[in-house]
Amino acid sequence: MSEFTEKLKNRVWSWSSAAQAHECPYGFYLQRLAEPRIKQDENVFAQYGSQMHEWLELVFKGIMQPEELLELYLTDYESKITLKWPFNRYVDLEKSYYEDGLAFARHFKGLSPNYEVIGVELEMKAEIEGYKVIGYIDLLVKNKKTGEYIIVDHKSKKKFASKAEEKKYRKQLEFYGYLVHEKMGVWPAYTDLDLFRGQKHYIEPCTAEDCIAAKDYFIESVKTACETEEWLDKHSIKARENFKSAKDAKKAGKADFFCTEICSVRSHCPMSSAYVKPKKEKKSKKAG
C-alpha cells in the first residue's frame, strides 16, 4: 500500500487523471501529488484547443451565431493564442494551426436542424465502486426524429495517426456514455470525434457494452493508481518491459514530443529535454 493510497481513494477522478496515472505514473505524481505543489508548464497546443472549445461553446449555447465565428477568429486569434509554437522541421506549426482553424471557421455551419442540444460542457458526476468521478462532455445532442443521443468531443487534431489512436480517444467518450446512463437513464447511440482542424467527424455506433467496458477500464486504472508504490515514468516502464536500460529510457523520453513540448510538468521531469535542474541552495557560511 502506498503512502498516498487513502488520498487517492478519496480524490475526485477524471478520465484524464486516470489515464495519466496509468500511462505515466511519475507525471501523475509530479502534477497531482508532489509537495510542495509545483508550478505547471503551459503549452500552445492546449491554449489553442481551449480557445477553440470556448468559441464553439458560445455557438452551441446559442450565445453566438455560427456565422459570427469567422469574424471572432479573425479579430481575436492573435490576442488569444500567445504562447510560442515549437519548431518542426516538416511543417510550420503556427501557420498550419492558424490556417486550419481559419478554414474551419469559414465553413462552420453549426448544428444540423435535425438535432437538439442537450448539454454543452456538460458536467457529469457519479460514484462508481466507491470512487468519486467527474467528466465534462463537450456536446451532447439528440436526434429529433429517432431520439438517439450522440456524445461529441471536439479535438484540435487534424487526423488520427492510427486506428489504435482513434480507439483510445473514443474509449473516453464511451466512458462518458456510462455517466450519461447513470444520470439520465439512456445509453448514447453514437460517439462523435470532431476533428475540427481537418473538418471531419469520426462517428461510430456506441453500445451499452462499450460503455460498461470503458467504465471497467477506467476503474481498473484508478485501482492500480491507488495501490502504486513506485511512480515510474512511461519510458522507464517500457524499458523494463523490453529489458532495456535506464539510459535507453531517458533517451526515449528526451525524443518524445509529448514529454518535451506538451506535458504540463516537463520542466520538472528529468526524462524531458525541457527539464530544468533545480538550483541548489547555497549553504550559509558559519559564523566565526
C-alpha atoms as a PDB file:
ATOM      1  CA  MET A   1       0.000   0.000   0.000  1.00  0.00           C
ATOM      2  CA  SER A   2       1.285   3.462  -0.966  1.00  0.00           C
ATOM      3  CA  GLU A   3       1.554   6.401   1.418  1.00  0.00           C
ATOM      4  CA  PHE A   4      -0.883   8.134  -0.954  1.00  0.00           C
ATOM      5  CA  THR A   5      -3.472   5.327  -1.057  1.00  0.00           C
ATOM      6  CA  GLU A   6      -6.095   6.983   1.157  1.00  0.00           C
ATOM      7  CA  LYS A   7      -5.631  10.361  -0.501  1.00  0.00           C
ATOM      8  CA  LEU A   8      -6.047   8.767  -3.911  1.00  0.00           C
ATOM      9  CA  LYS A   9      -9.115   6.787  -2.895  1.00  0.00           C
ATOM     10  CA  ASN A  10     -10.803   9.979  -1.699  1.00  0.00           C
ATOM     11  CA  ARG A  11      -9.927  12.228  -4.636  1.00  0.00           C
ATOM     12  CA  VAL A  12     -12.325  13.030  -7.482  1.00  0.00           C
ATOM     13  CA  TRP A  13     -11.130  11.160 -10.575  1.00  0.00           C
ATOM     14  CA  SER A  14     -11.482  12.309 -14.169  1.00  0.00           C
ATOM     15  CA  TRP A  15     -10.711  10.338 -17.309  1.00  0.00           C
ATOM     16  CA  SER A  16      -7.535  12.389 -17.888  1.00  0.00           C
ATOM     17  CA  SER A  17      -6.217  11.846 -14.358  1.00  0.00           C
ATOM     18  CA  ALA A  18      -6.878   8.089 -14.502  1.00  0.00           C
ATOM     19  CA  ALA A  19      -5.273   7.861 -17.951  1.00  0.00           C
ATOM     20  CA  GLN A  20      -2.219   9.779 -16.769  1.00  0.00           C
ATOM     21  CA  ALA A  21      -1.861   7.541 -13.701  1.00  0.00           C
ATOM     22  CA  HIS A  22      -1.997   4.516 -15.997  1.00  0.00           C
ATOM     23  CA  GLU A  23       0.268   5.788 -18.781  1.00  0.00           C
ATOM     24  CA  CYS A  24       2.843   7.844 -16.851  1.00  0.00           C
ATOM     25  CA  PRO A  25       2.655   7.397 -13.064  1.00  0.00           C
ATOM     26  CA  TYR A  26       5.584   9.767 -12.491  1.00  0.00           C
ATOM     27  CA  GLY A  27       3.843  12.556 -14.425  1.00  0.00           C
ATOM     28  CA  PHE A  28       0.739  11.937 -12.326  1.00  0.00           C
ATOM     29  CA  TYR A  29       2.826  12.109  -9.138  1.00  0.00           C
ATOM     30  CA  LEU A  30       4.504  15.384 -10.140  1.00  0.00           C
ATOM     31  CA  GLN A  31       1.285  17.037 -11.251  1.00  0.00           C
ATOM     32  CA  ARG A  32      -1.101  15.865  -8.547  1.00  0.00           C
ATOM     33  CA  LEU A  33       0.754  14.541  -5.501  1.00  0.00           C
ATOM     34  CA  ALA A  34       4.169  16.176  -5.120  1.00  0.00           C
ATOM     35  CA  GLU A  35       4.602  18.554  -2.192  1.00  0.00           C
ATOM     36  CA  PRO A  36       5.117  21.433  -2.280  1.00  0.00           C
ATOM     37  CA  ARG A  37       2.903  21.796  -5.347  1.00  0.00           C
ATOM     38  CA  ILE A  38       4.863  22.654  -8.458  1.00  0.00           C
ATOM     39  CA  LYS A  39       4.010  25.317 -10.996  1.00  0.00           C
ATOM     40  CA  GLN A  40       2.736  23.630 -14.123  1.00  0.00           C
ATOM     41  CA  ASP A  41       4.026  24.327 -17.607  1.00  0.00           C
ATOM     42  CA  GLU A  42       1.779  25.822 -20.262  1.00  0.00           C
ATOM     43  CA  ASN A  43       1.800  24.793 -23.902  1.00  0.00           C
ATOM     44  CA  VAL A  44       0.437  26.407 -27.026  1.00  0.00           C
ATOM     45  CA  PHE A  45      -1.453  23.295 -28.174  1.00  0.00           C
ATOM     46  CA  ALA A  46      -3.577  23.333 -25.020  1.00  0.00           C
ATOM     47  CA  GLN A  47      -4.069  27.097 -25.340  1.00  0.00           C
ATOM     48  CA  TYR A  48      -5.240  26.717 -28.942  1.00  0.00           C
ATOM     49  CA  GLY A  49      -7.550  23.811 -28.133  1.00  0.00           C
ATOM     50  CA  SER A  50      -9.070  25.530 -25.106  1.00  0.00           C
ATOM     51  CA  GLN A  51      -9.770  28.702 -27.086  1.00  0.00           C
ATOM     52  CA  MET A  52     -11.452  26.835 -29.923  1.00  0.00           C
ATOM     53  CA  HIS A  53     -13.555  24.944 -27.364  1.00  0.00           C
ATOM     54  CA  GLU A  54     -14.562  28.256 -25.797  1.00  0.00           C
ATOM     55  CA  TRP A  55     -15.705  29.699 -29.137  1.00  0.00           C
ATOM     56  CA  LEU A  56     -17.628  26.553 -30.047  1.00  0.00           C
ATOM     57  CA  GLU A  57     -19.266  26.599 -26.623  1.00  0.00           C
ATOM     58  CA  LEU A  58     -20.600  30.110 -27.347  1.00  0.00           C
ATOM     59  CA  VAL A  59     -22.190  28.856 -30.568  1.00  0.00           C
ATOM     60  CA  PHE A  60     -23.770  25.688 -29.181  1.00  0.00           C
ATOM     61  CA  LYS A  61     -25.132  27.563 -26.156  1.00  0.00           C
ATOM     62  CA  GLY A  62     -26.836  29.999 -28.551  1.00  0.00           C
ATOM     63  CA  ILE A  63     -24.808  32.990 -27.345  1.00  0.00           C
ATOM     64  CA  MET A  64     -23.238  33.443 -30.763  1.00  0.00           C
ATOM     65  CA  GLN A  65     -24.390  32.532 -34.276  1.00  0.00           C
ATOM     66  CA  PRO A  66     -22.288  30.095 -36.362  1.00  0.00           C
ATOM     67  CA  GLU A  67     -21.543  32.755 -38.983  1.00  0.00           C
ATOM     68  CA  GLU A  68     -20.030  35.005 -36.277  1.00  0.00           C
ATOM     69  CA  LEU A  69     -17.239  32.512 -35.564  1.00  0.00           C
ATOM     70  CA  LEU A  70     -15.179  33.635 -38.569  1.00  0.00           C
ATOM     71  CA  GLU A  71     -15.176  37.293 -37.543  1.00  0.00           C
ATOM     72  CA  LEU A  72     -14.288  36.400 -33.951  1.00  0.00           C
ATOM     73  CA  TYR A  73     -11.467  34.158 -35.149  1.00  0.00           C
ATOM     74  CA  LEU A  74     -10.007  36.880 -37.355  1.00  0.00           C
ATOM     75  CA  THR A  75     -10.208  39.616 -34.722  1.00  0.00           C
ATOM     76  CA  ASP A  76      -9.284  37.709 -31.558  1.00  0.00           C
ATOM     77  CA  TYR A  77      -6.930  34.914 -32.606  1.00  0.00           C
ATOM     78  CA  GLU A  78      -3.692  36.849 -32.201  1.00  0.00           C
ATOM     79  CA  SER A  79      -4.575  38.133 -28.728  1.00  0.00           C
ATOM     80  CA  LYS A  80      -5.754  34.711 -27.512  1.00  0.00           C
ATOM     81  CA  ILE A  81      -3.032  32.411 -28.864  1.00  0.00           C
ATOM     82  CA  THR A  82       0.065  33.929 -27.311  1.00  0.00           C
ATOM     83  CA  LEU A  83       2.406  31.069 -26.419  1.00  0.00           C
ATOM     84  CA  LYS A  84       5.322  30.061 -28.626  1.00  0.00           C
ATOM     85  CA  TRP A  85       4.906  27.281 -31.177  1.00  0.00           C
ATOM     86  CA  PRO A  86       7.660  24.646 -31.181  1.00  0.00           C
ATOM     87  CA  PHE A  87       9.928  24.126 -34.170  1.00  0.00           C
ATOM     88  CA  ASN A  88       9.045  21.327 -36.560  1.00  0.00           C
ATOM     89  CA  ARG A  89      11.356  20.525 -39.464  1.00  0.00           C
ATOM     90  CA  TYR A  90       8.486  19.337 -41.660  1.00  0.00           C
ATOM     91  CA  VAL A  91       5.821  21.984 -41.139  1.00  0.00           C
ATOM     92  CA  ASP A  92       5.350  25.498 -39.798  1.00  0.00           C
ATOM     93  CA  LEU A  93       3.053  24.626 -36.900  1.00  0.00           C
ATOM     94  CA  GLU A  94       1.989  28.207 -36.204  1.00  0.00           C
ATOM     95  CA  LYS A  95       0.915  28.743 -39.808  1.00  0.00           C
ATOM     96  CA  SER A  96      -0.660  25.301 -40.114  1.00  0.00           C
ATOM     97  CA  TYR A  97      -2.821  25.589 -36.998  1.00  0.00           C
ATOM     98  CA  TYR A  98      -3.904  29.144 -37.849  1.00  0.00           C
ATOM     99  CA  GLU A  99      -4.877  28.275 -41.426  1.00  0.00           C
ATOM    100  CA  ASP A 100      -6.666  25.073 -40.410  1.00  0.00           C
ATOM    101  CA  GLY A 101      -8.678  26.963 -37.800  1.00  0.00           C
ATOM    102  CA  LEU A 102      -9.454  29.698 -40.310  1.00  0.00           C
ATOM    103  CA  ALA A 103     -10.715  27.187 -42.876  1.00  0.00           C
ATOM    104  CA  PHE A 104     -12.878  25.573 -40.227  1.00  0.00           C
ATOM    105  CA  ALA A 105     -14.368  28.931 -39.164  1.00  0.00           C
ATOM    106  CA  ARG A 106     -15.134  29.810 -42.791  1.00  0.00           C
ATOM    107  CA  HIS A 107     -17.065  26.596 -43.418  1.00  0.00           C
ATOM    108  CA  PHE A 108     -18.656  26.143 -39.981  1.00  0.00           C
ATOM    109  CA  LYS A 109     -22.446  25.852 -40.189  1.00  0.00           C
ATOM    110  CA  GLY A 110     -23.265  24.912 -36.603  1.00  0.00           C
ATOM    111  CA  LEU A 111     -25.572  22.099 -35.602  1.00  0.00           C
ATOM    112  CA  SER A 112     -27.878  20.433 -38.111  1.00  0.00           C
ATOM    113  CA  PRO A 113     -31.584  21.304 -37.573  1.00  0.00           C
ATOM    114  CA  ASN A 114     -32.185  17.549 -37.186  1.00  0.00           C
ATOM    115  CA  TYR A 115     -30.577  17.685 -33.749  1.00  0.00           C
ATOM    116  CA  GLU A 116     -31.213  19.460 -30.474  1.00  0.00           C
ATOM    117  CA  VAL A 117     -28.602  20.378 -27.905  1.00  0.00           C
ATOM    118  CA  ILE A 118     -28.967  18.549 -24.600  1.00  0.00           C
ATOM    119  CA  GLY A 119     -25.862  19.964 -22.972  1.00  0.00           C
ATOM    120  CA  VAL A 120     -22.690  21.928 -23.646  1.00  0.00           C
ATOM    121  CA  GLU A 121     -19.611  21.427 -21.460  1.00  0.00           C
ATOM    122  CA  LEU A 122     -21.951  19.185 -19.510  1.00  0.00           C
ATOM    123  CA  GLU A 123     -20.663  18.240 -16.052  1.00  0.00           C
ATOM    124  CA  MET A 124     -21.311  14.622 -15.110  1.00  0.00           C
ATOM    125  CA  LYS A 125     -20.680  13.393 -11.558  1.00  0.00           C
ATOM    126  CA  ALA A 126     -21.005   9.872 -10.210  1.00  0.00           C
ATOM    127  CA  GLU A 127     -19.707   7.466  -7.622  1.00  0.00           C
ATOM    128  CA  ILE A 128     -18.539   4.145  -9.058  1.00  0.00           C
ATOM    129  CA  GLU A 129     -17.423   1.312  -6.802  1.00  0.00           C
ATOM    130  CA  GLY A 130     -16.733   3.828  -4.046  1.00  0.00           C
ATOM    131  CA  TYR A 131     -14.679   6.200  -6.228  1.00  0.00           C
ATOM    132  CA  LYS A 132     -15.839   9.755  -6.922  1.00  0.00           C
ATOM    133  CA  VAL A 133     -15.837  10.525 -10.632  1.00  0.00           C
ATOM    134  CA  ILE A 134     -16.333  13.622 -12.777  1.00  0.00           C
ATOM    135  CA  GLY A 135     -16.456  14.188 -16.514  1.00  0.00           C
ATOM    136  CA  TYR A 136     -17.194  17.076 -18.858  1.00  0.00           C
ATOM    137  CA  ILE A 137     -18.906  16.369 -22.176  1.00  0.00           C
ATOM    138  CA  ASP A 138     -18.136  18.936 -24.883  1.00  0.00           C
ATOM    139  CA  LEU A 139     -21.503  18.478 -26.570  1.00  0.00           C
ATOM    140  CA  LEU A 140     -24.431  16.125 -26.044  1.00  0.00           C
ATOM    141  CA  VAL A 141     -27.081  16.168 -28.769  1.00  0.00           C
ATOM    142  CA  LYS A 142     -30.284  14.292 -29.506  1.00  0.00           C
ATOM    143  CA  ASN A 143     -31.671  13.274 -32.883  1.00  0.00           C
ATOM    144  CA  LYS A 144     -35.142  14.825 -33.074  1.00  0.00           C
ATOM    145  CA  LYS A 145     -36.534  12.033 -35.247  1.00  0.00           C
ATOM    146  CA  THR A 146     -35.048   8.931 -33.627  1.00  0.00           C
ATOM    147  CA  GLY A 147     -34.472  10.184 -30.083  1.00  0.00           C
ATOM    148  CA  GLU A 148     -30.906   8.841 -30.215  1.00  0.00           C
ATOM    149  CA  TYR A 149     -28.198  10.564 -28.186  1.00  0.00           C
ATOM    150  CA  ILE A 150     -24.745  11.401 -29.552  1.00  0.00           C
ATOM    151  CA  ILE A 151     -21.707  12.353 -27.475  1.00  0.00           C
ATOM    152  CA  VAL A 152     -19.464  14.814 -29.334  1.00  0.00           C
ATOM    153  CA  ASP A 153     -15.883  15.629 -28.420  1.00  0.00           C
ATOM    154  CA  HIS A 154     -14.044  18.479 -30.187  1.00  0.00           C
ATOM    155  CA  LYS A 155     -10.412  17.672 -30.948  1.00  0.00           C
ATOM    156  CA  SER A 156      -7.743  20.016 -32.303  1.00  0.00           C
ATOM    157  CA  LYS A 157      -6.024  17.110 -34.060  1.00  0.00           C
ATOM    158  CA  LYS A 158      -6.215  17.163 -37.859  1.00  0.00           C
ATOM    159  CA  LYS A 159      -6.230  13.385 -38.220  1.00  0.00           C
ATOM    160  CA  PHE A 160      -5.504  10.261 -36.239  1.00  0.00           C
ATOM    161  CA  ALA A 161      -2.088   8.654 -36.525  1.00  0.00           C
ATOM    162  CA  SER A 162      -3.699   5.210 -36.455  1.00  0.00           C
ATOM    163  CA  LYS A 163      -6.904   3.310 -35.731  1.00  0.00           C
ATOM    164  CA  ALA A 164      -5.428   2.493 -32.322  1.00  0.00           C
ATOM    165  CA  GLU A 165      -5.163   6.213 -31.519  1.00  0.00           C
ATOM    166  CA  GLU A 166      -8.761   6.779 -32.611  1.00  0.00           C
ATOM    167  CA  LYS A 167      -9.879   3.863 -30.427  1.00  0.00           C
ATOM    168  CA  LYS A 168      -8.011   5.326 -27.451  1.00  0.00           C
ATOM    169  CA  TYR A 169      -9.822   8.669 -27.755  1.00  0.00           C
ATOM    170  CA  ARG A 170     -13.182   7.006 -28.380  1.00  0.00           C
ATOM    171  CA  LYS A 171     -12.919   4.983 -25.175  1.00  0.00           C
ATOM    172  CA  GLN A 172     -13.170   8.241 -23.209  1.00  0.00           C
ATOM    173  CA  LEU A 173     -16.486   9.062 -24.914  1.00  0.00           C
ATOM    174  CA  GLU A 174     -17.748   5.563 -24.183  1.00  0.00           C
ATOM    175  CA  PHE A 175     -16.935   6.146 -20.529  1.00  0.00           C
ATOM    176  CA  TYR A 176     -18.918   9.379 -20.709  1.00  0.00           C
ATOM    177  CA  GLY A 177     -21.705   7.283 -22.180  1.00  0.00           C
ATOM    178  CA  TYR A 178     -21.736   5.282 -18.956  1.00  0.00           C
ATOM    179  CA  LEU A 179     -22.018   8.533 -16.969  1.00  0.00           C
ATOM    180  CA  VAL A 180     -24.880   9.702 -19.217  1.00  0.00           C
ATOM    181  CA  HIS A 181     -26.728   6.487 -18.475  1.00  0.00           C
ATOM    182  CA  GLU A 182     -26.082   6.875 -14.744  1.00  0.00           C
ATOM    183  CA  LYS A 183     -27.517  10.394 -14.765  1.00  0.00           C
ATOM    184  CA  MET A 184     -30.169  10.299 -17.492  1.00  0.00           C
ATOM    185  CA  GLY A 185     -31.058   6.625 -17.820  1.00  0.00           C
ATOM    186  CA  VAL A 186     -30.286   6.440 -21.549  1.00  0.00           C
ATOM    187  CA  TRP A 187     -27.387   4.870 -23.450  1.00  0.00           C
ATOM    188  CA  PRO A 188     -25.882   7.003 -26.233  1.00  0.00           C
ATOM    189  CA  ALA A 189     -26.284   5.558 -29.714  1.00  0.00           C
ATOM    190  CA  TYR A 190     -23.153   7.132 -31.191  1.00  0.00           C
ATOM    191  CA  THR A 191     -19.871   8.784 -30.285  1.00  0.00           C
ATOM    192  CA  ASP A 192     -18.511  11.578 -32.481  1.00  0.00           C
ATOM    193  CA  LEU A 193     -14.856  12.613 -32.509  1.00  0.00           C
ATOM    194  CA  ASP A 194     -14.961  16.046 -34.134  1.00  0.00           C
ATOM    195  CA  LEU A 195     -11.500  16.786 -35.562  1.00  0.00           C
ATOM    196  CA  PHE A 196     -12.287  20.368 -36.435  1.00  0.00           C
ATOM    197  CA  ARG A 197      -8.895  21.242 -37.950  1.00  0.00           C
ATOM    198  CA  GLY A 198      -9.462  18.505 -40.518  1.00  0.00           C
ATOM    199  CA  GLN A 199     -13.185  19.381 -40.759  1.00  0.00           C
ATOM    200  CA  LYS A 200     -14.046  15.735 -40.277  1.00  0.00           C
ATOM    201  CA  HIS A 201     -16.305  13.855 -37.853  1.00  0.00           C
ATOM    202  CA  TYR A 202     -15.407  10.302 -36.879  1.00  0.00           C
ATOM    203  CA  ILE A 203     -18.779   8.856 -35.868  1.00  0.00           C
ATOM    204  CA  GLU A 204     -19.206   5.297 -34.621  1.00  0.00           C
ATOM    205  CA  PRO A 205     -22.115   3.360 -33.071  1.00  0.00           C
ATOM    206  CA  CYS A 206     -21.963   3.046 -29.300  1.00  0.00           C
ATOM    207  CA  THR A 207     -23.454   0.212 -27.254  1.00  0.00           C
ATOM    208  CA  ALA A 208     -24.122  -0.316 -23.569  1.00  0.00           C
ATOM    209  CA  GLU A 209     -21.409  -2.982 -23.655  1.00  0.00           C
ATOM    210  CA  ASP A 210     -18.895  -0.438 -24.998  1.00  0.00           C
ATOM    211  CA  CYS A 211     -19.739   1.995 -22.212  1.00  0.00           C
ATOM    212  CA  ILE A 212     -19.511  -0.634 -19.475  1.00  0.00           C
ATOM    213  CA  ALA A 213     -16.154  -1.867 -20.823  1.00  0.00           C
ATOM    214  CA  ALA A 214     -14.807   1.706 -20.783  1.00  0.00           C
ATOM    215  CA  LYS A 215     -16.044   2.112 -17.213  1.00  0.00           C
ATOM    216  CA  ASP A 216     -14.277  -1.102 -16.194  1.00  0.00           C
ATOM    217  CA  TYR A 217     -11.049   0.089 -17.830  1.00  0.00           C
ATOM    218  CA  PHE A 218     -11.320   3.416 -16.000  1.00  0.00           C
ATOM    219  CA  ILE A 219     -11.937   1.841 -12.593  1.00  0.00           C
ATOM    220  CA  GLU A 220      -9.086  -0.638 -13.060  1.00  0.00           C
ATOM    221  CA  SER A 221      -6.739   2.275 -13.817  1.00  0.00           C
ATOM    222  CA  VAL A 222      -7.905   4.083 -10.677  1.00  0.00           C
ATOM    223  CA  LYS A 223      -7.495   0.995  -8.503  1.00  0.00           C
ATOM    224  CA  THR A 224      -3.982   0.410  -9.836  1.00  0.00           C
ATOM    225  CA  ALA A 225      -3.030   4.031  -9.148  1.00  0.00           C
ATOM    226  CA  CYS A 226      -4.299   3.784  -5.574  1.00  0.00           C
ATOM    227  CA  GLU A 227      -2.000   0.828  -4.912  1.00  0.00           C
ATOM    228  CA  THR A 228       1.053   2.170  -6.764  1.00  0.00           C
ATOM    229  CA  GLU A 229       4.244   2.244  -4.727  1.00  0.00           C
ATOM    230  CA  GLU A 230       6.723   3.031  -7.499  1.00  0.00           C
ATOM    231  CA  TRP A 231       5.975   6.158  -9.516  1.00  0.00           C
ATOM    232  CA  LEU A 232       7.809   5.302 -12.727  1.00  0.00           C
ATOM    233  CA  ASP A 233       7.601   7.352 -15.921  1.00  0.00           C
ATOM    234  CA  LYS A 234       6.206   5.741 -19.062  1.00  0.00           C
ATOM    235  CA  HIS A 235       9.592   5.280 -20.724  1.00  0.00           C
ATOM    236  CA  SER A 236      11.100   3.518 -17.723  1.00  0.00           C
ATOM    237  CA  ILE A 237       8.082   1.197 -17.675  1.00  0.00           C
ATOM    238  CA  LYS A 238       8.545   0.391 -21.377  1.00  0.00           C
ATOM    239  CA  ALA A 239      12.289  -0.101 -20.874  1.00  0.00           C
ATOM    240  CA  ARG A 240      11.659  -2.627 -18.113  1.00  0.00           C
ATOM    241  CA  GLU A 241       9.113  -4.473 -20.230  1.00  0.00           C
ATOM    242  CA  ASN A 242      11.629  -4.723 -23.076  1.00  0.00           C
ATOM    243  CA  PHE A 243      14.681  -5.400 -20.897  1.00  0.00           C
ATOM    244  CA  LYS A 244      16.312  -2.109 -21.803  1.00  0.00           C
ATOM    245  CA  SER A 245      18.491   0.161 -19.706  1.00  0.00           C
ATOM    246  CA  ALA A 246      17.650   3.331 -17.809  1.00  0.00           C
ATOM    247  CA  LYS A 247      19.858   5.142 -20.331  1.00  0.00           C
ATOM    248  CA  ASP A 248      17.636   3.911 -23.178  1.00  0.00           C
ATOM    249  CA  ALA A 249      14.564   5.041 -21.268  1.00  0.00           C
ATOM    250  CA  LYS A 250      15.952   8.526 -20.766  1.00  0.00           C
ATOM    251  CA  LYS A 251      16.933   8.773 -24.427  1.00  0.00           C
ATOM    252  CA  ALA A 252      13.371   7.831 -25.424  1.00  0.00           C
ATOM    253  CA  GLY A 253      11.938  10.454 -23.075  1.00  0.00           C
ATOM    254  CA  LYS A 254      14.066  13.258 -24.492  1.00  0.00           C
ATOM    255  CA  ALA A 255      12.958  12.333 -28.026  1.00  0.00           C
ATOM    256  CA  ASP A 256       9.256  12.112 -27.113  1.00  0.00           C
ATOM    257  CA  PHE A 257       7.280  15.096 -28.457  1.00  0.00           C
ATOM    258  CA  PHE A 258       4.693  14.944 -25.684  1.00  0.00           C
ATOM    259  CA  CYS A 259       7.377  14.851 -22.990  1.00  0.00           C
ATOM    260  CA  THR A 260       9.310  17.773 -24.444  1.00  0.00           C
ATOM    261  CA  GLU A 261       6.547  20.075 -25.690  1.00  0.00           C
ATOM    262  CA  ILE A 262       3.169  19.227 -24.155  1.00  0.00           C
ATOM    263  CA  CYS A 263       3.438  17.614 -20.713  1.00  0.00           C
ATOM    264  CA  SER A 264       2.433  20.080 -18.005  1.00  0.00           C
ATOM    265  CA  VAL A 265       5.319  19.005 -15.740  1.00  0.00           C
ATOM    266  CA  ARG A 266       8.007  18.698 -18.427  1.00  0.00           C
ATOM    267  CA  SER A 267      10.366  21.227 -16.839  1.00  0.00           C
ATOM    268  CA  HIS A 268      10.328  19.157 -13.631  1.00  0.00           C
ATOM    269  CA  CYS A 269      10.918  15.741 -15.219  1.00  0.00           C
ATOM    270  CA  PRO A 270      14.497  14.515 -15.886  1.00  0.00           C
ATOM    271  CA  MET A 271      13.153  12.419 -18.770  1.00  0.00           C
ATOM    272  CA  SER A 272      12.250  15.543 -20.743  1.00  0.00           C
ATOM    273  CA  SER A 273      14.660  17.655 -22.752  1.00  0.00           C
ATOM    274  CA  ALA A 274      12.762  20.635 -21.280  1.00  0.00           C
ATOM    275  CA  TYR A 275      13.891  19.639 -17.773  1.00  0.00           C
ATOM    276  CA  VAL A 276      15.288  22.463 -15.661  1.00  0.00           C
ATOM    277  CA  LYS A 277      17.529  21.165 -12.916  1.00  0.00           C
ATOM    278  CA  PRO A 278      16.653  22.744  -9.548  1.00  0.00           C
ATOM    279  CA  LYS A 279      19.238  25.150  -8.230  1.00  0.00           C
ATOM    280  CA  LYS A 280      20.971  24.016  -5.102  1.00  0.00           C
ATOM    281  CA  GLU A 281      20.503  26.225  -2.109  1.00  0.00           C
ATOM    282  CA  LYS A 282      23.697  27.935  -1.072  1.00  0.00           C
ATOM    283  CA  LYS A 283      24.983  26.883   2.287  1.00  0.00           C
ATOM    284  CA  SER A 284      25.213  29.730   4.742  1.00  0.00           C
ATOM    285  CA  LYS A 285      28.700  30.490   5.986  1.00  0.00           C
ATOM    286  CA  LYS A 286      29.416  29.509   9.539  1.00  0.00           C
ATOM    287  CA  ALA A 287      29.726  32.391  11.907  1.00  0.00           C
ATOM    288  CA  GLY A 288      33.132  32.783  13.341  1.00  0.00           C
END
